Amino acid sequence: MTPASPSVFALIDGVLPSASRISPAVNAVFLALLLTSAALVAALTIAIVYFLIRYRRGSPAPRPRLKIAIWKFEATWIVGTTVVFLGFFFWGARIYLRMAKVPAGAMEIAVIGRQWMWDIRHQDGRRELAELHVPVNQPIALRMTSEDVIHSFAVPAFRLKQDVVPGKTVLAWFEATVPGSYPIFCDQYCGTKHAEMGGRVIVQTPEDYAAWLATGAGADSAETRGRALFVRYGCAGCHAGNSSVRAPRLEGLAGRDVPVEDGKIVTADDAYLRDSILLPNKHVTAGYAAVMPSYQGVIPEGDVLDLLAYLKSLASENPPALNSSAP
């Protein structure tokens, strides 16, 4: 398949700027699909018009019997279109997998959608509303959730769109390649002020980003806030090392395999840690009673993200066994 000419890409960039690492790949598959579809529609239209005119009623055009079986035409059409479809499928799948896999070393930022704003929290404690400052050529991992209804975080210039659903944490990433200001939209109708739920990503050079960081000190980091919330919500009463209550220890838990009551082994990823807070009876650790109360509807989404950051920061070179009752 012949790729689209550079002039076509320039035209697309003039209408919708490409400002991320993944944008050229998305543009390429989109334009190839668009041009292939247009060529097919044009060929079918020309053929239809030609046959309508040439073989209209009363036309003297000869109408000999076909010398080839109809099924051969049908088989050729089906096989040909299937091959083209599979080509686009695998091409798009490769790009999708690139978009789904967060690169190592990405800067993590929390994004909380709520009616009708984006609450953006940096790891150093800085908080922005409807604005996101990032350095150029740095992968950014967005850990996103919603506090009320379904929202969709979209930055067209980055070819980024990610739905955020209440009760679920999702990851998306981008790497901006061109300094500038790029609009953020909510691409999912979320209520009466949906059209006002916007913002902007401000991509800065390393020097400008360092200057922005120097303009004001951030608040407590996500881990520090999470540690305070761990105590405030009473988690430390059972899970702290000096607690008299027999509960699973949390040091070194994140990322480990955990045996649960039904005999299965689950990985303590973000989804597991979140469920352990909000839906503790979903995965009861083997050897422990299901006595932990549910915090669903009690802890807001922003606090959940801070608690997750704190739990993932807990590390121990020799963490105790999960079924150990030792303090």
C-alpha atoms as a PDB file:
ATOM      1  CA  MET A   1       0.000   0.000   0.000  1.00  0.00           C
ATOM      2  CA  THR A   2       1.415   3.388  -0.973  1.00  0.00           C
ATOM      3  CA  PRO A   3       1.667   5.729   2.048  1.00  0.00           C
ATOM      4  CA  ALA A   4       0.013   9.115   1.953  1.00  0.00           C
ATOM      5  CA  SER A   5       2.157  11.889   0.585  1.00  0.00           C
ATOM      6  CA  PRO A   6       3.842  14.348   2.994  1.00  0.00           C
ATOM      7  CA  SER A   7       1.564  17.087   1.687  1.00  0.00           C
ATOM      8  CA  VAL A   8      -1.460  15.174   2.956  1.00  0.00           C
ATOM      9  CA  PHE A   9       0.096  14.893   6.405  1.00  0.00           C
ATOM     10  CA  ALA A  10       0.895  18.603   6.312  1.00  0.00           C
ATOM     11  CA  LEU A  11      -2.745  19.318   5.511  1.00  0.00           C
ATOM     12  CA  ILE A  12      -3.911  17.216   8.472  1.00  0.00           C
ATOM     13  CA  ASP A  13      -1.395  18.893  10.785  1.00  0.00           C
ATOM     14  CA  GLY A  14      -2.642  22.270   9.625  1.00  0.00           C
ATOM     15  CA  VAL A  15      -6.186  21.386  10.670  1.00  0.00           C
ATOM     16  CA  LEU A  16      -5.314  19.324  13.753  1.00  0.00           C
ATOM     17  CA  PRO A  17      -1.737  19.634  15.051  1.00  0.00           C
ATOM     18  CA  SER A  18       0.237  16.483  15.787  1.00  0.00           C
ATOM     19  CA  ALA A  19       2.142  17.083  18.986  1.00  0.00           C
ATOM     20  CA  SER A  20       2.821  13.667  20.510  1.00  0.00           C
ATOM     21  CA  ARG A  21       5.066  10.687  19.856  1.00  0.00           C
ATOM     22  CA  ILE A  22       2.151   8.491  18.729  1.00  0.00           C
ATOM     23  CA  SER A  23       0.438  11.060  16.491  1.00  0.00           C
ATOM     24  CA  PRO A  24       2.239  10.236  13.202  1.00  0.00           C
ATOM     25  CA  ALA A  25       1.354   6.531  13.506  1.00  0.00           C
ATOM     26  CA  VAL A  26      -2.301   7.326  14.204  1.00  0.00           C
ATOM     27  CA  ASN A  27      -2.362   9.770  11.288  1.00  0.00           C
ATOM     28  CA  ALA A  28      -0.871   7.174   8.948  1.00  0.00           C
ATOM     29  CA  VAL A  29      -3.423   4.440   9.658  1.00  0.00           C
ATOM     30  CA  PHE A  30      -6.297   6.937   9.608  1.00  0.00           C
ATOM     31  CA  LEU A  31      -5.281   8.432   6.263  1.00  0.00           C
ATOM     32  CA  ALA A  32      -4.590   5.022   4.705  1.00  0.00           C
ATOM     33  CA  LEU A  33      -8.034   3.799   5.778  1.00  0.00           C
ATOM     34  CA  LEU A  34      -9.659   7.012   4.539  1.00  0.00           C
ATOM     35  CA  LEU A  35      -7.933   6.912   1.141  1.00  0.00           C
ATOM     36  CA  THR A  36      -8.577   3.193   0.671  1.00  0.00           C
ATOM     37  CA  SER A  37     -12.254   3.665   1.473  1.00  0.00           C
ATOM     38  CA  ALA A  38     -12.481   6.667  -0.863  1.00  0.00           C
ATOM     39  CA  ALA A  39     -10.809   4.737  -3.694  1.00  0.00           C
ATOM     40  CA  LEU A  40     -13.183   1.800  -3.212  1.00  0.00           C
ATOM     41  CA  VAL A  41     -16.257   4.026  -3.156  1.00  0.00           C
ATOM     42  CA  ALA A  42     -15.042   5.878  -6.271  1.00  0.00           C
ATOM     43  CA  ALA A  43     -14.384   2.612  -8.168  1.00  0.00           C
ATOM     44  CA  LEU A  44     -17.793   1.188  -7.254  1.00  0.00           C
ATOM     45  CA  THR A  45     -19.533   4.445  -8.158  1.00  0.00           C
ATOM     46  CA  ILE A  46     -17.834   4.592 -11.570  1.00  0.00           C
ATOM     47  CA  ALA A  47     -18.689   0.942 -12.260  1.00  0.00           C
ATOM     48  CA  ILE A  48     -22.331   1.433 -11.246  1.00  0.00           C
ATOM     49  CA  VAL A  49     -22.766   4.543 -13.386  1.00  0.00           C
ATOM     50  CA  TYR A  50     -21.028   2.873 -16.347  1.00  0.00           C
ATOM     51  CA  PHE A  51     -23.257  -0.212 -16.245  1.00  0.00           C
ATOM     52  CA  LEU A  52     -26.413   1.880 -15.690  1.00  0.00           C
ATOM     53  CA  ILE A  53     -25.720   3.847 -18.855  1.00  0.00           C
ATOM     54  CA  ARG A  54     -24.222   1.121 -21.075  1.00  0.00           C
ATOM     55  CA  TYR A  55     -26.767  -1.562 -20.243  1.00  0.00           C
ATOM     56  CA  ARG A  56     -29.856   0.587 -19.821  1.00  0.00           C
ATOM     57  CA  ARG A  57     -33.133  -0.735 -21.204  1.00  0.00           C
ATOM     58  CA  GLY A  58     -33.133  -0.519 -24.981  1.00  0.00           C
ATOM     59  CA  SER A  59     -29.359  -0.168 -25.245  1.00  0.00           C
ATOM     60  CA  PRO A  60     -27.785  -2.039 -28.213  1.00  0.00           C
ATOM     61  CA  ALA A  61     -24.786  -3.071 -26.076  1.00  0.00           C
ATOM     62  CA  PRO A  62     -24.054  -6.818 -26.418  1.00  0.00           C
ATOM     63  CA  ARG A  63     -25.016  -9.030 -23.490  1.00  0.00           C
ATOM     64  CA  PRO A  64     -23.139 -12.317 -23.984  1.00  0.00           C
ATOM     65  CA  ARG A  65     -23.183 -15.051 -21.355  1.00  0.00           C
ATOM     66  CA  LEU A  66     -20.352 -14.847 -18.823  1.00  0.00           C
ATOM     67  CA  LYS A  67     -17.461 -17.205 -19.515  1.00  0.00           C
ATOM     68  CA  ILE A  68     -16.502 -17.402 -15.823  1.00  0.00           C
ATOM     69  CA  ALA A  69     -18.556 -18.700 -12.913  1.00  0.00           C
ATOM     70  CA  ILE A  70     -20.175 -16.065 -10.685  1.00  0.00           C
ATOM     71  CA  TRP A  71     -18.811 -17.720  -7.548  1.00  0.00           C
ATOM     72  CA  LYS A  72     -15.272 -16.929  -8.692  1.00  0.00           C
ATOM     73  CA  PHE A  73     -16.105 -13.215  -8.756  1.00  0.00           C
ATOM     74  CA  GLU A  74     -17.648 -13.520  -5.306  1.00  0.00           C
ATOM     75  CA  ALA A  75     -14.703 -15.490  -3.914  1.00  0.00           C
ATOM     76  CA  THR A  76     -12.204 -12.980  -5.295  1.00  0.00           C
ATOM     77  CA  TRP A  77     -14.154 -10.070  -3.773  1.00  0.00           C
ATOM     78  CA  ILE A  78     -14.494 -11.754  -0.374  1.00  0.00           C
ATOM     79  CA  VAL A  79     -10.861 -12.836  -0.157  1.00  0.00           C
ATOM     80  CA  GLY A  80      -9.547  -9.495  -1.381  1.00  0.00           C
ATOM     81  CA  THR A  81     -11.568  -7.365   1.033  1.00  0.00           C
ATOM     82  CA  THR A  82     -10.773  -9.755   3.908  1.00  0.00           C
ATOM     83  CA  VAL A  83      -7.034  -9.445   3.282  1.00  0.00           C
ATOM     84  CA  VAL A  84      -7.285  -5.653   3.204  1.00  0.00           C
ATOM     85  CA  PHE A  85      -9.396  -5.642   6.372  1.00  0.00           C
ATOM     86  CA  LEU A  86      -6.936  -7.886   8.227  1.00  0.00           C
ATOM     87  CA  GLY A  87      -4.073  -5.667   7.096  1.00  0.00           C
ATOM     88  CA  PHE A  88      -5.733  -2.638   8.665  1.00  0.00           C
ATOM     89  CA  PHE A  89      -6.676  -4.654  11.750  1.00  0.00           C
ATOM     90  CA  PHE A  90      -3.126  -5.757  12.532  1.00  0.00           C
ATOM     91  CA  TRP A  91      -1.726  -2.331  11.671  1.00  0.00           C
ATOM     92  CA  GLY A  92      -4.192  -0.654  14.045  1.00  0.00           C
ATOM     93  CA  ALA A  93      -3.658  -3.321  16.727  1.00  0.00           C
ATOM     94  CA  ARG A  94       0.085  -2.631  16.787  1.00  0.00           C
ATOM     95  CA  ILE A  95      -0.568   1.075  17.304  1.00  0.00           C
ATOM     96  CA  TYR A  96      -3.196   0.334  19.972  1.00  0.00           C
ATOM     97  CA  LEU A  97      -0.745  -1.840  21.912  1.00  0.00           C
ATOM     98  CA  ARG A  98       1.833   0.946  21.761  1.00  0.00           C
ATOM     99  CA  MET A  99      -0.750   3.348  23.145  1.00  0.00           C
ATOM    100  CA  ALA A 100      -1.784   0.917  25.907  1.00  0.00           C
ATOM    101  CA  LYS A 101       1.711   0.142  27.230  1.00  0.00           C
ATOM    102  CA  VAL A 102       3.059   2.863  29.509  1.00  0.00           C
ATOM    103  CA  PRO A 103       6.818   3.247  28.906  1.00  0.00           C
ATOM    104  CA  ALA A 104       9.283   2.817  31.741  1.00  0.00           C
ATOM    105  CA  GLY A 105      10.303   6.009  33.488  1.00  0.00           C
ATOM    106  CA  ALA A 106       7.039   7.830  32.779  1.00  0.00           C
ATOM    107  CA  MET A 107       6.140  10.722  35.064  1.00  0.00           C
ATOM    108  CA  GLU A 108       2.935   9.761  36.879  1.00  0.00           C
ATOM    109  CA  ILE A 109       0.128  12.300  37.352  1.00  0.00           C
ATOM    110  CA  ALA A 110      -3.313  11.696  38.859  1.00  0.00           C
ATOM    111  CA  VAL A 111      -6.397  13.005  37.029  1.00  0.00           C
ATOM    112  CA  ILE A 112      -9.837  13.025  38.640  1.00  0.00           C
ATOM    113  CA  GLY A 113     -12.892  13.879  36.570  1.00  0.00           C
ATOM    114  CA  ARG A 114     -15.881  15.445  38.246  1.00  0.00           C
ATOM    115  CA  GLN A 115     -18.794  17.586  37.134  1.00  0.00           C
ATOM    116  CA  TRP A 116     -17.505  19.732  35.500  1.00  0.00           C
ATOM    117  CA  MET A 117     -13.752  19.999  35.829  1.00  0.00           C
ATOM    118  CA  TRP A 118     -10.482  18.088  35.707  1.00  0.00           C
ATOM    119  CA  ASP A 119      -8.670  17.837  39.052  1.00  0.00           C
ATOM    120  CA  ILE A 120      -4.982  17.198  38.268  1.00  0.00           C
ATOM    121  CA  ARG A 121      -2.533  16.188  40.998  1.00  0.00           C
ATOM    122  CA  HIS A 122       1.229  15.879  40.613  1.00  0.00           C
ATOM    123  CA  GLN A 123       3.302  13.485  42.675  1.00  0.00           C
ATOM    124  CA  ASP A 124       5.117  16.332  44.431  1.00  0.00           C
ATOM    125  CA  GLY A 125       1.803  17.615  45.794  1.00  0.00           C
ATOM    126  CA  ARG A 126       1.106  20.306  43.215  1.00  0.00           C
ATOM    127  CA  ARG A 127      -2.502  20.529  42.162  1.00  0.00           C
ATOM    128  CA  GLU A 128      -3.948  22.071  39.008  1.00  0.00           C
ATOM    129  CA  LEU A 129      -7.537  22.570  37.948  1.00  0.00           C
ATOM    130  CA  ALA A 130      -8.204  22.247  34.208  1.00  0.00           C
ATOM    131  CA  GLU A 131      -4.508  22.812  33.455  1.00  0.00           C
ATOM    132  CA  LEU A 132      -1.659  20.367  33.123  1.00  0.00           C
ATOM    133  CA  HIS A 133       1.963  21.495  32.898  1.00  0.00           C
ATOM    134  CA  VAL A 134       4.369  18.905  31.481  1.00  0.00           C
ATOM    135  CA  PRO A 135       7.897  18.939  30.042  1.00  0.00           C
ATOM    136  CA  VAL A 136       8.447  18.217  26.366  1.00  0.00           C
ATOM    137  CA  ASN A 137       9.807  14.798  25.302  1.00  0.00           C
ATOM    138  CA  GLN A 138       8.927  13.217  28.647  1.00  0.00           C
ATOM    139  CA  PRO A 139       6.478  10.276  28.828  1.00  0.00           C
ATOM    140  CA  ILE A 140       3.546  11.185  31.076  1.00  0.00           C
ATOM    141  CA  ALA A 141       1.422   8.462  32.706  1.00  0.00           C
ATOM    142  CA  LEU A 142      -2.070   9.596  33.679  1.00  0.00           C
ATOM    143  CA  ARG A 143      -3.743   7.612  36.452  1.00  0.00           C
ATOM    144  CA  MET A 144      -7.400   8.558  36.017  1.00  0.00           C
ATOM    145  CA  THR A 145     -10.752   8.030  37.669  1.00  0.00           C
ATOM    146  CA  SER A 146     -14.121   9.773  38.073  1.00  0.00           C
ATOM    147  CA  GLU A 147     -15.985  10.888  41.168  1.00  0.00           C
ATOM    148  CA  ASP A 148     -19.506  11.007  39.729  1.00  0.00           C
ATOM    149  CA  VAL A 149     -20.362  10.022  36.139  1.00  0.00           C
ATOM    150  CA  ILE A 150     -18.523   8.753  33.066  1.00  0.00           C
ATOM    151  CA  HIS A 151     -16.153  11.334  31.624  1.00  0.00           C
ATOM    152  CA  SER A 152     -13.670  11.077  28.756  1.00  0.00           C
ATOM    153  CA  PHE A 153     -10.289  12.810  28.898  1.00  0.00           C
ATOM    154  CA  ALA A 154      -9.343  13.822  25.357  1.00  0.00           C
ATOM    155  CA  VAL A 155      -6.429  15.802  23.924  1.00  0.00           C
ATOM    156  CA  PRO A 156      -6.878  15.721  20.116  1.00  0.00           C
ATOM    157  CA  ALA A 157      -3.399  17.058  19.367  1.00  0.00           C
ATOM    158  CA  PHE A 158      -1.940  14.035  21.189  1.00  0.00           C
ATOM    159  CA  ARG A 159      -4.454  11.600  19.622  1.00  0.00           C
ATOM    160  CA  LEU A 160      -5.378  10.755  23.222  1.00  0.00           C
ATOM    161  CA  LYS A 161      -8.839   9.781  24.430  1.00  0.00           C
ATOM    162  CA  GLN A 162      -9.531   7.781  27.586  1.00  0.00           C
ATOM    163  CA  ASP A 163     -12.894   7.177  29.265  1.00  0.00           C
ATOM    164  CA  VAL A 164     -12.899   7.451  33.054  1.00  0.00           C
ATOM    165  CA  VAL A 165     -15.535   5.528  34.976  1.00  0.00           C
ATOM    166  CA  PRO A 166     -16.620   5.904  38.624  1.00  0.00           C
ATOM    167  CA  GLY A 167     -15.185   3.163  40.794  1.00  0.00           C
ATOM    168  CA  LYS A 168     -12.335   2.309  38.442  1.00  0.00           C
ATOM    169  CA  THR A 169      -8.790   3.549  37.946  1.00  0.00           C
ATOM    170  CA  VAL A 170      -7.367   3.528  34.404  1.00  0.00           C
ATOM    171  CA  LEU A 171      -4.017   4.410  32.887  1.00  0.00           C
ATOM    172  CA  ALA A 172      -3.217   6.365  29.753  1.00  0.00           C
ATOM    173  CA  TRP A 173      -0.022   8.012  28.583  1.00  0.00           C
ATOM    174  CA  PHE A 174       1.390  10.475  26.104  1.00  0.00           C
ATOM    175  CA  GLU A 175       4.695  12.049  25.217  1.00  0.00           C
ATOM    176  CA  ALA A 176       4.383  15.590  23.923  1.00  0.00           C
ATOM    177  CA  THR A 177       6.944  16.515  21.279  1.00  0.00           C
ATOM    178  CA  VAL A 178       6.135  20.151  20.516  1.00  0.00           C
ATOM    179  CA  PRO A 179       5.999  22.913  23.168  1.00  0.00           C
ATOM    180  CA  GLY A 180       2.722  24.803  23.231  1.00  0.00           C
ATOM    181  CA  SER A 181      -0.789  24.879  24.663  1.00  0.00           C
ATOM    182  CA  TYR A 182      -3.235  22.151  23.642  1.00  0.00           C
ATOM    183  CA  PRO A 183      -6.929  21.954  24.581  1.00  0.00           C
ATOM    184  CA  ILE A 184      -8.408  19.251  26.787  1.00  0.00           C
ATOM    185  CA  PHE A 185     -12.002  18.160  26.179  1.00  0.00           C
ATOM    186  CA  CYS A 186     -14.478  15.843  27.817  1.00  0.00           C
ATOM    187  CA  ASP A 187     -15.644  13.598  24.971  1.00  0.00           C
ATOM    188  CA  GLN A 188     -18.464  11.929  26.921  1.00  0.00           C
ATOM    189  CA  TYR A 189     -21.714  13.780  27.675  1.00  0.00           C
ATOM    190  CA  CYS A 190     -21.625  14.206  31.451  1.00  0.00           C
ATOM    191  CA  GLY A 191     -24.426  16.622  32.318  1.00  0.00           C
ATOM    192  CA  THR A 192     -25.717  20.110  31.742  1.00  0.00           C
ATOM    193  CA  LYS A 193     -22.299  21.809  31.731  1.00  0.00           C
ATOM    194  CA  HIS A 194     -20.542  19.139  29.683  1.00  0.00           C
ATOM    195  CA  ALA A 195     -19.458  21.676  27.047  1.00  0.00           C
ATOM    196  CA  GLU A 196     -17.695  23.730  29.720  1.00  0.00           C
ATOM    197  CA  MET A 197     -15.576  20.803  30.964  1.00  0.00           C
ATOM    198  CA  GLY A 198     -12.340  21.668  29.244  1.00  0.00           C
ATOM    199  CA  GLY A 199      -8.819  22.699  29.997  1.00  0.00           C
ATOM    200  CA  ARG A 200      -5.387  22.762  28.429  1.00  0.00           C
ATOM    201  CA  VAL A 201      -2.093  20.911  28.476  1.00  0.00           C
ATOM    202  CA  ILE A 202       0.845  23.302  28.604  1.00  0.00           C
ATOM    203  CA  VAL A 203       3.932  21.629  27.138  1.00  0.00           C
ATOM    204  CA  GLN A 204       7.139  23.391  28.139  1.00  0.00           C
ATOM    205  CA  THR A 205      10.817  23.160  27.376  1.00  0.00           C
ATOM    206  CA  PRO A 206      12.915  21.726  30.234  1.00  0.00           C
ATOM    207  CA  GLU A 207      14.039  25.244  31.164  1.00  0.00           C
ATOM    208  CA  ASP A 208      10.498  26.635  31.215  1.00  0.00           C
ATOM    209  CA  TYR A 209       9.206  23.621  33.130  1.00  0.00           C
ATOM    210  CA  ALA A 210      11.955  24.038  35.744  1.00  0.00           C
ATOM    211  CA  ALA A 211      11.002  27.710  36.044  1.00  0.00           C
ATOM    212  CA  TRP A 212       7.350  26.729  36.517  1.00  0.00           C
ATOM    213  CA  LEU A 213       8.322  24.268  39.241  1.00  0.00           C
ATOM    214  CA  ALA A 214      10.256  27.036  40.964  1.00  0.00           C
ATOM    215  CA  THR A 215       7.285  29.422  41.010  1.00  0.00           C
ATOM    216  CA  GLY A 216       5.783  27.812  44.072  1.00  0.00           C
ATOM    217  CA  ALA A 217       6.343  24.900  46.368  1.00  0.00           C
ATOM    218  CA  GLY A 218       4.019  21.985  46.064  1.00  0.00           C
ATOM    219  CA  ALA A 219       1.911  20.728  48.921  1.00  0.00           C
ATOM    220  CA  ASP A 220       2.548  17.389  50.571  1.00  0.00           C
ATOM    221  CA  SER A 221       3.353  14.592  48.146  1.00  0.00           C
ATOM    222  CA  ALA A 222       0.766  11.945  47.279  1.00  0.00           C
ATOM    223  CA  GLU A 223       2.585   9.448  49.521  1.00  0.00           C
ATOM    224  CA  THR A 224       2.609  11.905  52.436  1.00  0.00           C
ATOM    225  CA  ARG A 225      -1.086  12.680  52.021  1.00  0.00           C
ATOM    226  CA  GLY A 226      -1.795   8.970  51.745  1.00  0.00           C
ATOM    227  CA  ARG A 227       0.079   8.263  54.983  1.00  0.00           C
ATOM    228  CA  ALA A 228      -2.042  10.842  56.809  1.00  0.00           C
ATOM    229  CA  LEU A 229      -5.231   9.408  55.291  1.00  0.00           C
ATOM    230  CA  PHE A 230      -4.105   5.907  56.304  1.00  0.00           C
ATOM    231  CA  VAL A 231      -4.268   7.064  59.903  1.00  0.00           C
ATOM    232  CA  ARG A 232      -7.331   9.291  59.522  1.00  0.00           C
ATOM    233  CA  TYR A 233      -9.530   6.574  58.077  1.00  0.00           C
ATOM    234  CA  GLY A 234      -8.468   4.112  60.761  1.00  0.00           C
ATOM    235  CA  CYS A 235      -6.423   1.817  58.485  1.00  0.00           C
ATOM    236  CA  ALA A 236      -3.419   2.013  60.811  1.00  0.00           C
ATOM    237  CA  GLY A 237      -5.508   0.616  63.675  1.00  0.00           C
ATOM    238  CA  CYS A 238      -5.392  -2.831  62.042  1.00  0.00           C
ATOM    239  CA  HIS A 239      -2.623  -2.802  59.427  1.00  0.00           C
ATOM    240  CA  ALA A 240       0.164  -0.934  61.217  1.00  0.00           C
ATOM    241  CA  GLY A 241       3.103  -3.013  62.363  1.00  0.00           C
ATOM    242  CA  ASN A 242       2.406  -2.350  66.054  1.00  0.00           C
ATOM    243  CA  SER A 243      -1.320  -3.120  65.846  1.00  0.00           C
ATOM    244  CA  SER A 244      -2.776  -5.762  68.150  1.00  0.00           C
ATOM    245  CA  VAL A 245      -5.376  -6.667  65.503  1.00  0.00           C
ATOM    246  CA  ARG A 246      -4.492  -9.627  63.279  1.00  0.00           C
ATOM    247  CA  ALA A 247      -4.630  -8.191  59.762  1.00  0.00           C
ATOM    248  CA  PRO A 248      -2.487  -8.601  56.637  1.00  0.00           C
ATOM    249  CA  ARG A 249       0.712  -6.581  56.645  1.00  0.00           C
ATOM    250  CA  LEU A 250       1.042  -4.094  53.802  1.00  0.00           C
ATOM    251  CA  GLU A 251       4.799  -3.612  53.525  1.00  0.00           C
ATOM    252  CA  GLY A 252       5.953  -4.884  50.165  1.00  0.00           C
ATOM    253  CA  LEU A 253       2.406  -5.879  49.200  1.00  0.00           C
ATOM    254  CA  ALA A 254       2.093  -3.907  45.954  1.00  0.00           C
ATOM    255  CA  GLY A 255       2.929  -6.040  42.941  1.00  0.00           C
ATOM    256  CA  ARG A 256       3.098  -9.324  44.872  1.00  0.00           C
ATOM    257  CA  ASP A 257       0.999 -12.441  44.350  1.00  0.00           C
ATOM    258  CA  VAL A 258      -1.616 -12.818  47.070  1.00  0.00           C
ATOM    259  CA  PRO A 259      -3.403 -16.077  48.013  1.00  0.00           C
ATOM    260  CA  VAL A 260      -7.118 -15.498  48.618  1.00  0.00           C
ATOM    261  CA  GLU A 261      -9.845 -17.542  50.313  1.00  0.00           C
ATOM    262  CA  ASP A 262     -11.170 -19.270  47.201  1.00  0.00           C
ATOM    263  CA  GLY A 263      -7.768 -20.810  46.544  1.00  0.00           C
ATOM    264  CA  LYS A 264      -6.807 -18.443  43.744  1.00  0.00           C
ATOM    265  CA  ILE A 265      -3.718 -16.285  43.486  1.00  0.00           C
ATOM    266  CA  VAL A 266      -4.236 -12.637  42.549  1.00  0.00           C
ATOM    267  CA  THR A 267      -1.672  -9.946  41.854  1.00  0.00           C
ATOM    268  CA  ALA A 268      -1.735  -6.909  44.123  1.00  0.00           C
ATOM    269  CA  ASP A 269      -2.012  -4.389  41.299  1.00  0.00           C
ATOM    270  CA  ASP A 270      -3.866  -1.085  41.412  1.00  0.00           C
ATOM    271  CA  ALA A 271      -7.242  -2.762  40.877  1.00  0.00           C
ATOM    272  CA  TYR A 272      -6.637  -5.203  43.741  1.00  0.00           C
ATOM    273  CA  LEU A 273      -5.462  -2.466  46.126  1.00  0.00           C
ATOM    274  CA  ARG A 274      -8.459  -0.325  45.227  1.00  0.00           C
ATOM    275  CA  ASP A 275     -10.891  -3.201  45.758  1.00  0.00           C
ATOM    276  CA  SER A 276      -9.223  -4.017  49.071  1.00  0.00           C
ATOM    277  CA  ILE A 277     -10.162  -0.545  50.284  1.00  0.00           C
ATOM    278  CA  LEU A 278     -13.607  -0.087  48.772  1.00  0.00           C
ATOM    279  CA  LEU A 279     -14.787  -3.714  48.384  1.00  0.00           C
ATOM    280  CA  PRO A 280     -12.740  -5.676  50.958  1.00  0.00           C
ATOM    281  CA  ASN A 281     -14.884  -8.819  50.734  1.00  0.00           C
ATOM    282  CA  LYS A 282     -14.184  -9.224  47.022  1.00  0.00           C
ATOM    283  CA  HIS A 283     -10.734 -10.764  47.628  1.00  0.00           C
ATOM    284  CA  VAL A 284     -10.319 -11.943  51.236  1.00  0.00           C
ATOM    285  CA  THR A 285      -6.712 -12.862  51.975  1.00  0.00           C
ATOM    286  CA  ALA A 286      -6.308 -16.532  52.804  1.00  0.00           C
ATOM    287  CA  GLY A 287      -6.118 -17.136  56.541  1.00  0.00           C
ATOM    288  CA  TYR A 288      -7.989 -13.971  57.519  1.00  0.00           C
ATOM    289  CA  ALA A 289     -11.625 -13.324  58.399  1.00  0.00           C
ATOM    290  CA  ALA A 290     -13.776 -11.008  56.277  1.00  0.00           C
ATOM    291  CA  VAL A 291     -14.193  -8.372  58.983  1.00  0.00           C
ATOM    292  CA  MET A 292     -12.917  -5.229  57.262  1.00  0.00           C
ATOM    293  CA  PRO A 293     -15.710  -2.685  56.633  1.00  0.00           C
ATOM    294  CA  SER A 294     -16.308  -1.315  53.151  1.00  0.00           C
ATOM    295  CA  TYR A 295     -15.201   2.255  52.479  1.00  0.00           C
ATOM    296  CA  GLN A 296     -17.173   2.584  49.256  1.00  0.00           C
ATOM    297  CA  GLY A 297     -18.957   5.930  49.305  1.00  0.00           C
ATOM    298  CA  VAL A 298     -16.902   6.998  52.316  1.00  0.00           C
ATOM    299  CA  ILE A 299     -13.506   7.775  50.800  1.00  0.00           C
ATOM    300  CA  PRO A 300     -13.557  10.196  47.832  1.00  0.00           C
ATOM    301  CA  GLU A 301     -11.647   9.329  44.677  1.00  0.00           C
ATOM    302  CA  GLY A 302      -8.843  11.797  45.332  1.00  0.00           C
ATOM    303  CA  ASP A 303      -8.153  10.209  48.698  1.00  0.00           C
ATOM    304  CA  VAL A 304      -8.238   6.728  47.157  1.00  0.00           C
ATOM    305  CA  LEU A 305      -5.487   7.717  44.716  1.00  0.00           C
ATOM    306  CA  ASP A 306      -3.390   9.122  47.568  1.00  0.00           C
ATOM    307  CA  LEU A 307      -3.883   5.941  49.591  1.00  0.00           C
ATOM    308  CA  LEU A 308      -2.811   3.859  46.598  1.00  0.00           C
ATOM    309  CA  ALA A 309       0.317   5.986  46.221  1.00  0.00           C
ATOM    310  CA  TYR A 310       1.134   5.429  49.896  1.00  0.00           C
ATOM    311  CA  LEU A 311       0.521   1.668  49.751  1.00  0.00           C
ATOM    312  CA  LYS A 312       2.773   1.350  46.707  1.00  0.00           C
ATOM    313  CA  SER A 313       5.481   3.338  48.491  1.00  0.00           C
ATOM    314  CA  LEU A 314       5.602   0.814  51.343  1.00  0.00           C
ATOM    315  CA  ALA A 315       8.612  -1.386  50.816  1.00  0.00           C
ATOM    316  CA  SER A 316      10.384  -4.005  52.837  1.00  0.00           C
ATOM    317  CA  GLU A 317      13.381  -6.084  51.935  1.00  0.00           C
ATOM    318  CA  ASN A 318      11.914  -9.006  53.871  1.00  0.00           C
ATOM    319  CA  PRO A 319       8.178  -8.437  54.182  1.00  0.00           C
ATOM    320  CA  PRO A 320       6.342 -10.848  56.485  1.00  0.00           C
ATOM    321  CA  ALA A 321       4.272 -13.656  54.998  1.00  0.00           C
ATOM    322  CA  LEU A 322       0.713 -12.629  54.247  1.00  0.00           C
ATOM    323  CA  ASN A 323      -0.689 -15.285  56.567  1.00  0.00           C
ATOM    324  CA  SER A 324       1.632 -14.345  59.392  1.00  0.00           C
ATOM    325  CA  SER A 325       0.144 -12.992  62.603  1.00  0.00           C
ATOM    326  CA  ALA A 326       3.423 -11.434  63.714  1.00  0.00           C
ATOM    327  CA  PRO A 327       3.181  -7.673  64.313  1.00  0.00           C
END
